[in-house]
N, C-alpha and C. Protein backbone atom coordinates (compact mmCIF):
# COMPACT_ATOMS: atom_id res chain seq x y z
N MET A 1 -30.47 -30.80 -70.09
CA MET A 1 -30.00 -29.36 -70.37
C MET A 1 -28.57 -29.59 -71.12
N ARG A 2 -28.33 -28.90 -72.01
CA ARG A 2 -27.17 -28.91 -72.80
C ARG A 2 -26.03 -28.03 -72.05
N ILE A 3 -24.84 -28.52 -71.86
CA ILE A 3 -23.68 -27.61 -71.37
C ILE A 3 -23.00 -27.17 -72.41
N LEU A 4 -22.73 -25.95 -72.21
CA LEU A 4 -22.04 -25.10 -73.46
C LEU A 4 -20.69 -24.64 -72.87
N ASN A 5 -19.67 -24.17 -73.95
CA ASN A 5 -18.47 -23.64 -73.34
C ASN A 5 -18.89 -22.29 -72.60
N GLY A 6 -18.30 -22.10 -71.57
CA GLY A 6 -18.50 -20.75 -70.95
C GLY A 6 -19.50 -20.98 -69.77
N ASP A 7 -20.23 -22.03 -69.70
CA ASP A 7 -21.26 -22.13 -68.69
C ASP A 7 -20.44 -22.34 -67.26
N ILE A 8 -21.09 -22.14 -66.15
CA ILE A 8 -20.62 -22.21 -64.83
C ILE A 8 -21.21 -23.47 -64.25
N ILE A 9 -20.39 -24.32 -63.92
CA ILE A 9 -20.94 -25.45 -63.12
C ILE A 9 -20.43 -25.60 -61.73
N TYR A 10 -21.08 -26.40 -60.80
CA TYR A 10 -20.51 -26.62 -59.53
C TYR A 10 -20.15 -28.14 -59.44
N MET A 11 -18.92 -28.35 -58.99
CA MET A 11 -18.37 -29.79 -58.78
C MET A 11 -19.00 -30.39 -57.51
N ARG A 12 -18.66 -31.63 -57.36
CA ARG A 12 -19.20 -32.32 -56.09
C ARG A 12 -18.94 -31.48 -54.77
N ASP A 13 -17.69 -30.96 -54.57
CA ASP A 13 -17.33 -30.23 -53.44
C ASP A 13 -18.11 -28.70 -53.20
N GLY A 14 -18.62 -28.41 -54.41
CA GLY A 14 -19.31 -27.04 -54.21
C GLY A 14 -18.50 -26.09 -54.90
N THR A 15 -17.34 -26.44 -55.40
CA THR A 15 -16.33 -25.54 -56.16
C THR A 15 -16.75 -25.08 -57.61
N PRO A 16 -17.00 -23.81 -57.81
CA PRO A 16 -17.62 -23.53 -59.13
C PRO A 16 -16.32 -23.73 -60.08
N ALA A 17 -16.79 -23.92 -61.32
CA ALA A 17 -15.79 -23.91 -62.34
C ALA A 17 -16.49 -23.58 -63.69
N VAL A 18 -15.63 -23.24 -64.64
CA VAL A 18 -16.09 -22.75 -66.19
C VAL A 18 -15.81 -23.87 -67.05
N VAL A 19 -16.85 -24.19 -67.88
CA VAL A 19 -16.75 -25.12 -68.93
C VAL A 19 -16.07 -24.67 -70.06
N LYS A 20 -14.63 -25.32 -70.23
CA LYS A 20 -13.73 -24.77 -71.26
C LYS A 20 -13.96 -25.50 -72.61
N LYS A 21 -14.20 -26.65 -72.59
CA LYS A 21 -14.59 -27.24 -73.92
C LYS A 21 -15.40 -28.71 -73.67
N VAL A 22 -16.34 -28.86 -74.47
CA VAL A 22 -17.29 -29.95 -74.23
C VAL A 22 -16.89 -30.60 -75.48
N ASP A 23 -16.64 -32.19 -75.25
CA ASP A 23 -16.45 -33.13 -76.49
C ASP A 23 -17.48 -34.01 -76.34
N GLY A 24 -18.69 -33.83 -77.08
CA GLY A 24 -19.85 -34.69 -77.32
C GLY A 24 -19.53 -36.11 -77.75
N GLN A 25 -18.46 -36.10 -78.65
CA GLN A 25 -17.97 -37.53 -79.36
C GLN A 25 -17.49 -38.41 -78.11
N ASN A 26 -16.69 -37.90 -77.14
CA ASN A 26 -15.98 -38.53 -76.26
C ASN A 26 -16.63 -38.58 -74.86
N GLY A 27 -17.59 -37.82 -74.78
CA GLY A 27 -18.32 -37.50 -73.50
C GLY A 27 -17.46 -36.89 -72.49
N THR A 28 -16.59 -35.95 -72.93
CA THR A 28 -15.70 -35.42 -71.87
C THR A 28 -15.90 -33.80 -71.94
N VAL A 29 -15.73 -33.15 -70.64
CA VAL A 29 -15.87 -31.86 -70.41
C VAL A 29 -14.42 -31.31 -69.83
N ASN A 30 -13.92 -30.42 -70.47
CA ASN A 30 -12.62 -29.63 -69.80
C ASN A 30 -13.18 -28.32 -69.03
N LEU A 31 -12.71 -28.33 -67.73
CA LEU A 31 -13.14 -27.35 -66.79
C LEU A 31 -11.92 -26.48 -66.32
N ASP A 32 -12.06 -25.32 -66.02
CA ASP A 32 -11.35 -24.12 -65.38
C ASP A 32 -11.88 -23.84 -64.02
N ASP A 33 -11.25 -24.24 -62.79
CA ASP A 33 -11.92 -24.08 -61.56
C ASP A 33 -10.87 -22.90 -60.91
N LYS A 34 -10.09 -21.97 -61.67
CA LYS A 34 -9.39 -20.98 -61.06
C LYS A 34 -10.65 -19.88 -60.84
N LEU A 35 -10.34 -19.44 -59.59
CA LEU A 35 -11.77 -18.54 -59.18
C LEU A 35 -11.70 -17.21 -59.90
N GLN A 36 -10.34 -16.64 -60.36
CA GLN A 36 -10.61 -15.36 -61.02
C GLN A 36 -11.12 -15.56 -62.31
N ASN A 37 -11.05 -16.85 -62.88
CA ASN A 37 -11.69 -16.96 -64.26
C ASN A 37 -13.20 -17.29 -64.16
N VAL A 38 -13.58 -17.90 -62.96
CA VAL A 38 -14.82 -18.13 -62.69
C VAL A 38 -15.66 -16.87 -62.50
N GLN A 39 -14.93 -15.88 -61.68
CA GLN A 39 -15.48 -14.44 -61.42
C GLN A 39 -15.65 -13.65 -62.55
N LYS A 40 -14.68 -14.00 -63.57
CA LYS A 40 -14.81 -13.15 -64.84
C LYS A 40 -15.89 -13.49 -65.67
N HIS A 41 -16.24 -14.92 -65.85
CA HIS A 41 -17.33 -15.41 -66.54
C HIS A 41 -18.62 -15.16 -65.91
N ALA A 42 -18.75 -15.01 -64.45
CA ALA A 42 -19.97 -14.73 -63.85
C ALA A 42 -20.27 -13.22 -63.76
N GLU A 43 -19.53 -12.44 -64.26
CA GLU A 43 -19.65 -10.94 -64.12
C GLU A 43 -21.09 -10.58 -64.97
N GLY A 44 -21.84 -9.91 -64.21
CA GLY A 44 -23.12 -9.44 -64.96
C GLY A 44 -24.28 -10.69 -64.67
N GLY A 45 -23.69 -11.61 -63.98
CA GLY A 45 -24.73 -12.84 -63.58
C GLY A 45 -24.29 -14.15 -64.44
N VAL A 46 -24.86 -15.28 -63.96
CA VAL A 46 -24.43 -16.40 -64.73
C VAL A 46 -25.33 -16.64 -65.76
N LYS A 47 -24.63 -16.81 -67.01
CA LYS A 47 -25.36 -16.74 -68.34
C LYS A 47 -25.31 -18.17 -69.03
N ASN A 48 -25.63 -19.17 -68.12
CA ASN A 48 -25.66 -20.69 -68.56
C ASN A 48 -26.66 -20.68 -69.92
N GLY A 49 -26.41 -21.28 -70.69
CA GLY A 49 -27.27 -21.72 -71.81
C GLY A 49 -27.17 -20.87 -73.05
N LEU A 50 -26.44 -19.80 -72.90
CA LEU A 50 -26.37 -18.90 -74.06
C LEU A 50 -24.99 -19.24 -74.88
N THR A 51 -25.16 -19.06 -76.07
CA THR A 51 -24.04 -19.34 -76.92
C THR A 51 -22.85 -18.23 -76.81
N GLU A 52 -21.83 -18.09 -77.35
CA GLU A 52 -20.89 -17.11 -77.01
C GLU A 52 -21.19 -15.71 -77.94
N GLY A 53 -21.94 -15.89 -78.84
CA GLY A 53 -22.59 -14.55 -79.54
C GLY A 53 -23.66 -14.01 -78.64
N GLN A 54 -24.54 -14.90 -78.15
CA GLN A 54 -25.57 -14.21 -77.10
C GLN A 54 -25.11 -13.70 -75.94
N ARG A 55 -24.08 -14.30 -75.49
CA ARG A 55 -23.33 -13.80 -74.02
C ARG A 55 -22.67 -12.30 -74.40
N LYS A 56 -22.11 -12.34 -75.67
CA LYS A 56 -21.52 -10.98 -76.02
C LYS A 56 -22.60 -10.06 -76.10
N SER A 57 -23.62 -10.50 -76.84
CA SER A 57 -24.75 -9.38 -76.82
C SER A 57 -25.26 -9.13 -75.70
N PHE A 58 -25.49 -9.81 -74.57
CA PHE A 58 -26.01 -9.74 -73.39
C PHE A 58 -25.08 -8.66 -72.68
N ASN A 59 -23.86 -8.86 -72.59
CA ASN A 59 -22.65 -8.13 -72.04
C ASN A 59 -22.82 -6.64 -72.79
N VAL A 60 -22.96 -6.62 -73.94
CA VAL A 60 -22.78 -5.20 -74.67
C VAL A 60 -24.09 -4.46 -74.15
N ASN A 61 -25.21 -5.01 -74.04
CA ASN A 61 -26.31 -4.32 -73.65
C ASN A 61 -26.18 -3.99 -72.08
N LEU A 62 -25.57 -4.82 -71.16
CA LEU A 62 -25.38 -4.28 -69.97
C LEU A 62 -24.61 -3.26 -69.89
N ASN A 63 -23.57 -3.05 -70.70
CA ASN A 63 -22.50 -2.06 -70.67
C ASN A 63 -23.09 -0.66 -71.09
N LEU A 64 -24.28 -0.76 -71.74
CA LEU A 64 -24.93 0.40 -72.37
C LEU A 64 -25.71 1.08 -71.14
N ILE A 65 -26.01 0.51 -70.30
CA ILE A 65 -26.77 0.96 -69.17
C ILE A 65 -26.25 1.59 -67.93
N LYS A 66 -24.88 1.77 -68.15
CA LYS A 66 -24.11 2.34 -67.07
C LYS A 66 -24.61 3.80 -66.63
N GLY A 67 -24.76 3.83 -65.20
CA GLY A 67 -25.26 5.35 -64.79
C GLY A 67 -24.56 5.49 -63.38
N ASP A 68 -25.02 6.77 -62.95
CA ASP A 68 -24.38 7.18 -61.67
C ASP A 68 -24.83 6.50 -60.48
N SER A 69 -26.14 6.06 -60.61
CA SER A 69 -26.59 5.19 -59.44
C SER A 69 -27.25 3.86 -59.95
N LYS A 70 -27.51 3.22 -58.92
CA LYS A 70 -27.94 1.78 -59.34
C LYS A 70 -29.50 1.94 -59.74
N GLN A 71 -30.14 2.86 -59.27
CA GLN A 71 -31.60 3.12 -59.59
C GLN A 71 -31.66 3.79 -61.25
N GLU A 72 -30.67 4.60 -61.72
CA GLU A 72 -30.53 5.07 -62.75
C GLU A 72 -30.20 3.86 -63.83
N GLU A 73 -29.38 3.06 -63.46
CA GLU A 73 -29.07 1.69 -64.18
C GLU A 73 -30.30 0.83 -64.38
N ILE A 74 -31.16 0.76 -63.37
CA ILE A 74 -32.19 -0.05 -63.47
C ILE A 74 -33.25 0.63 -64.53
N ARG A 75 -33.28 1.92 -64.33
CA ARG A 75 -34.33 2.56 -65.25
C ARG A 75 -33.88 2.61 -66.85
N ASN A 76 -32.48 2.69 -66.86
CA ASN A 76 -31.66 2.55 -68.34
C ASN A 76 -32.00 1.11 -68.86
N LEU A 77 -31.78 0.15 -67.93
CA LEU A 77 -32.20 -1.27 -68.38
C LEU A 77 -33.58 -1.45 -68.97
N TYR A 78 -34.39 -0.88 -67.88
CA TYR A 78 -36.02 -1.00 -68.22
C TYR A 78 -36.33 -0.29 -69.75
N ASP A 79 -35.73 0.78 -70.03
CA ASP A 79 -36.00 1.40 -71.15
C ASP A 79 -35.18 0.58 -72.41
N LEU A 80 -34.01 0.37 -72.11
CA LEU A 80 -33.49 -0.64 -73.07
C LEU A 80 -34.21 -1.76 -73.39
N ILE A 81 -34.94 -2.48 -72.41
CA ILE A 81 -35.43 -3.60 -72.80
C ILE A 81 -36.98 -3.29 -73.68
N GLN A 82 -37.48 -2.02 -73.16
CA GLN A 82 -38.66 -1.55 -74.06
C GLN A 82 -38.20 -1.31 -75.42
N ASN A 83 -37.28 -0.83 -75.46
CA ASN A 83 -36.70 -0.40 -77.01
C ASN A 83 -36.61 -1.79 -77.83
N HIS A 84 -36.06 -2.64 -76.98
CA HIS A 84 -35.78 -3.84 -77.86
C HIS A 84 -37.06 -4.56 -78.12
N LYS A 85 -37.99 -4.46 -77.36
CA LYS A 85 -39.36 -5.32 -77.42
C LYS A 85 -40.09 -4.43 -78.70
N ASP A 86 -39.90 -3.23 -78.65
CA ASP A 86 -40.43 -2.53 -79.85
C ASP A 86 -39.77 -2.77 -81.24
N SER A 87 -38.37 -2.76 -81.34
CA SER A 87 -37.78 -3.03 -82.43
C SER A 87 -37.80 -4.50 -83.04
N LYS A 88 -37.99 -5.45 -81.91
CA LYS A 88 -37.77 -6.86 -82.45
C LYS A 88 -36.60 -7.23 -83.01
N ARG A 89 -35.42 -6.40 -82.82
CA ARG A 89 -34.03 -7.00 -83.25
C ARG A 89 -33.01 -7.35 -82.47
N ILE A 90 -33.65 -8.14 -81.44
CA ILE A 90 -32.64 -8.77 -80.46
C ILE A 90 -33.11 -10.24 -80.25
N ASP A 91 -32.08 -11.06 -79.98
CA ASP A 91 -32.29 -12.39 -79.93
C ASP A 91 -33.36 -12.63 -78.53
N PRO A 92 -34.36 -13.39 -78.80
CA PRO A 92 -35.37 -13.54 -77.68
C PRO A 92 -34.76 -14.22 -76.31
N LYS A 93 -33.74 -14.84 -76.62
CA LYS A 93 -33.24 -15.60 -75.48
C LYS A 93 -32.34 -14.49 -74.70
N VAL A 94 -31.66 -13.60 -75.41
CA VAL A 94 -30.92 -12.57 -74.74
C VAL A 94 -31.83 -11.62 -74.10
N LEU A 95 -32.84 -11.25 -74.90
CA LEU A 95 -34.12 -10.49 -74.09
C LEU A 95 -34.58 -11.08 -72.83
N HIS A 96 -34.66 -12.40 -72.73
CA HIS A 96 -35.21 -12.96 -71.50
C HIS A 96 -34.11 -12.94 -70.61
N TYR A 97 -32.85 -13.10 -70.71
CA TYR A 97 -31.73 -12.77 -69.67
C TYR A 97 -31.68 -11.48 -69.27
N LEU A 98 -32.06 -10.42 -70.27
CA LEU A 98 -31.97 -9.05 -69.71
C LEU A 98 -33.13 -8.85 -68.82
N GLU A 99 -34.28 -9.32 -69.03
CA GLU A 99 -35.55 -9.14 -68.22
C GLU A 99 -35.27 -9.78 -66.84
N ASN A 100 -34.52 -10.91 -66.83
CA ASN A 100 -34.21 -11.58 -65.62
C ASN A 100 -33.34 -10.67 -64.70
N GLU A 101 -32.23 -10.10 -65.44
CA GLU A 101 -31.41 -9.06 -64.87
C GLU A 101 -32.17 -8.07 -64.36
N LEU A 102 -33.03 -7.44 -65.04
CA LEU A 102 -33.96 -6.28 -64.58
C LEU A 102 -34.57 -6.75 -63.30
N MET A 103 -35.31 -7.96 -63.12
CA MET A 103 -35.85 -8.37 -61.95
C MET A 103 -35.00 -8.47 -60.79
N HIS A 104 -33.83 -9.14 -61.13
CA HIS A 104 -32.74 -9.27 -60.04
C HIS A 104 -32.58 -8.04 -59.43
N ARG A 105 -32.10 -6.94 -60.39
CA ARG A 105 -31.65 -5.73 -59.89
C ARG A 105 -32.77 -5.02 -59.16
N MET A 106 -34.12 -5.12 -59.64
CA MET A 106 -35.08 -4.46 -58.94
C MET A 106 -35.35 -4.94 -57.46
N HIS A 107 -35.20 -6.11 -57.51
CA HIS A 107 -35.36 -6.93 -56.06
C HIS A 107 -34.17 -6.50 -55.10
N ARG A 108 -33.01 -6.66 -55.52
CA ARG A 108 -31.77 -6.27 -54.87
C ARG A 108 -31.72 -5.01 -54.29
N ASP A 109 -32.19 -4.03 -55.33
CA ASP A 109 -32.05 -2.48 -54.95
C ASP A 109 -33.24 -1.95 -54.21
N ASN A 110 -34.27 -2.80 -54.29
CA ASN A 110 -35.62 -2.39 -53.75
C ASN A 110 -36.33 -1.06 -54.51
N TYR A 111 -36.14 -1.05 -55.89
CA TYR A 111 -36.42 0.04 -56.72
C TYR A 111 -37.16 -0.47 -57.95
N VAL A 112 -38.31 0.20 -58.25
CA VAL A 112 -39.00 -0.25 -59.37
C VAL A 112 -39.35 1.06 -60.13
N PRO A 113 -39.00 1.13 -61.48
CA PRO A 113 -39.35 2.33 -62.34
C PRO A 113 -40.83 2.77 -62.27
N GLU A 114 -40.84 4.14 -62.28
CA GLU A 114 -42.29 4.76 -62.09
C GLU A 114 -43.12 4.16 -62.99
N ASP A 115 -42.89 4.00 -64.30
CA ASP A 115 -43.71 3.39 -65.35
C ASP A 115 -43.65 1.98 -65.58
N TYR A 116 -43.01 1.26 -64.56
CA TYR A 116 -42.94 -0.05 -64.87
C TYR A 116 -44.25 -0.80 -64.99
N ALA A 117 -44.36 -1.68 -65.77
CA ALA A 117 -45.77 -2.35 -66.25
C ALA A 117 -45.54 -3.98 -66.42
N THR A 118 -46.43 -4.58 -65.85
CA THR A 118 -46.49 -5.98 -66.12
C THR A 118 -47.82 -6.51 -66.54
N ASP A 119 -47.59 -7.71 -67.29
CA ASP A 119 -48.96 -8.20 -67.80
C ASP A 119 -49.65 -8.87 -66.52
N LEU A 120 -50.67 -8.37 -66.12
CA LEU A 120 -51.61 -8.62 -65.07
C LEU A 120 -52.01 -10.35 -65.26
N ARG A 121 -51.96 -10.88 -66.40
CA ARG A 121 -52.04 -12.23 -66.47
C ARG A 121 -51.04 -13.12 -65.85
N ASN A 122 -49.94 -12.34 -65.66
CA ASN A 122 -48.84 -13.16 -64.92
C ASN A 122 -48.86 -13.07 -63.34
N VAL A 123 -49.71 -12.20 -62.92
CA VAL A 123 -49.73 -12.02 -61.41
C VAL A 123 -50.72 -12.85 -60.91
N PRO A 124 -50.38 -13.77 -59.74
CA PRO A 124 -51.24 -14.66 -59.05
C PRO A 124 -52.49 -13.91 -58.57
N GLN A 125 -53.61 -14.56 -58.75
CA GLN A 125 -54.86 -14.29 -58.20
C GLN A 125 -55.24 -14.80 -56.98
N TYR A 126 -55.58 -14.09 -55.90
CA TYR A 126 -55.78 -14.80 -54.62
C TYR A 126 -57.44 -14.59 -54.39
């Protein structure tokens, strides 16, 4: 796995840190372990593996779903994802991260939009 600037990693003692600069030539990584900076980068979930542009796109999309309740935000996120799938004008990796965020929120808040649909080929058969 490739480490990118802005990724969050955990040091040996379990302390989180943000990758500030990766130097592949020298094999060095500069880290920022200030908790407030780690929390700022982790806002909206850990987005390891996304480039800076993809992170901005992810954050912009999350800002579009603000609502009065968590259930309204889940509904807005689901609708936004469906619109992106229809338009096909979003980076597939960002769309994947948005789908993961939707799953996290649905599980955390124990709420599923009424018209939520999943591909039955992905459901385990017992």
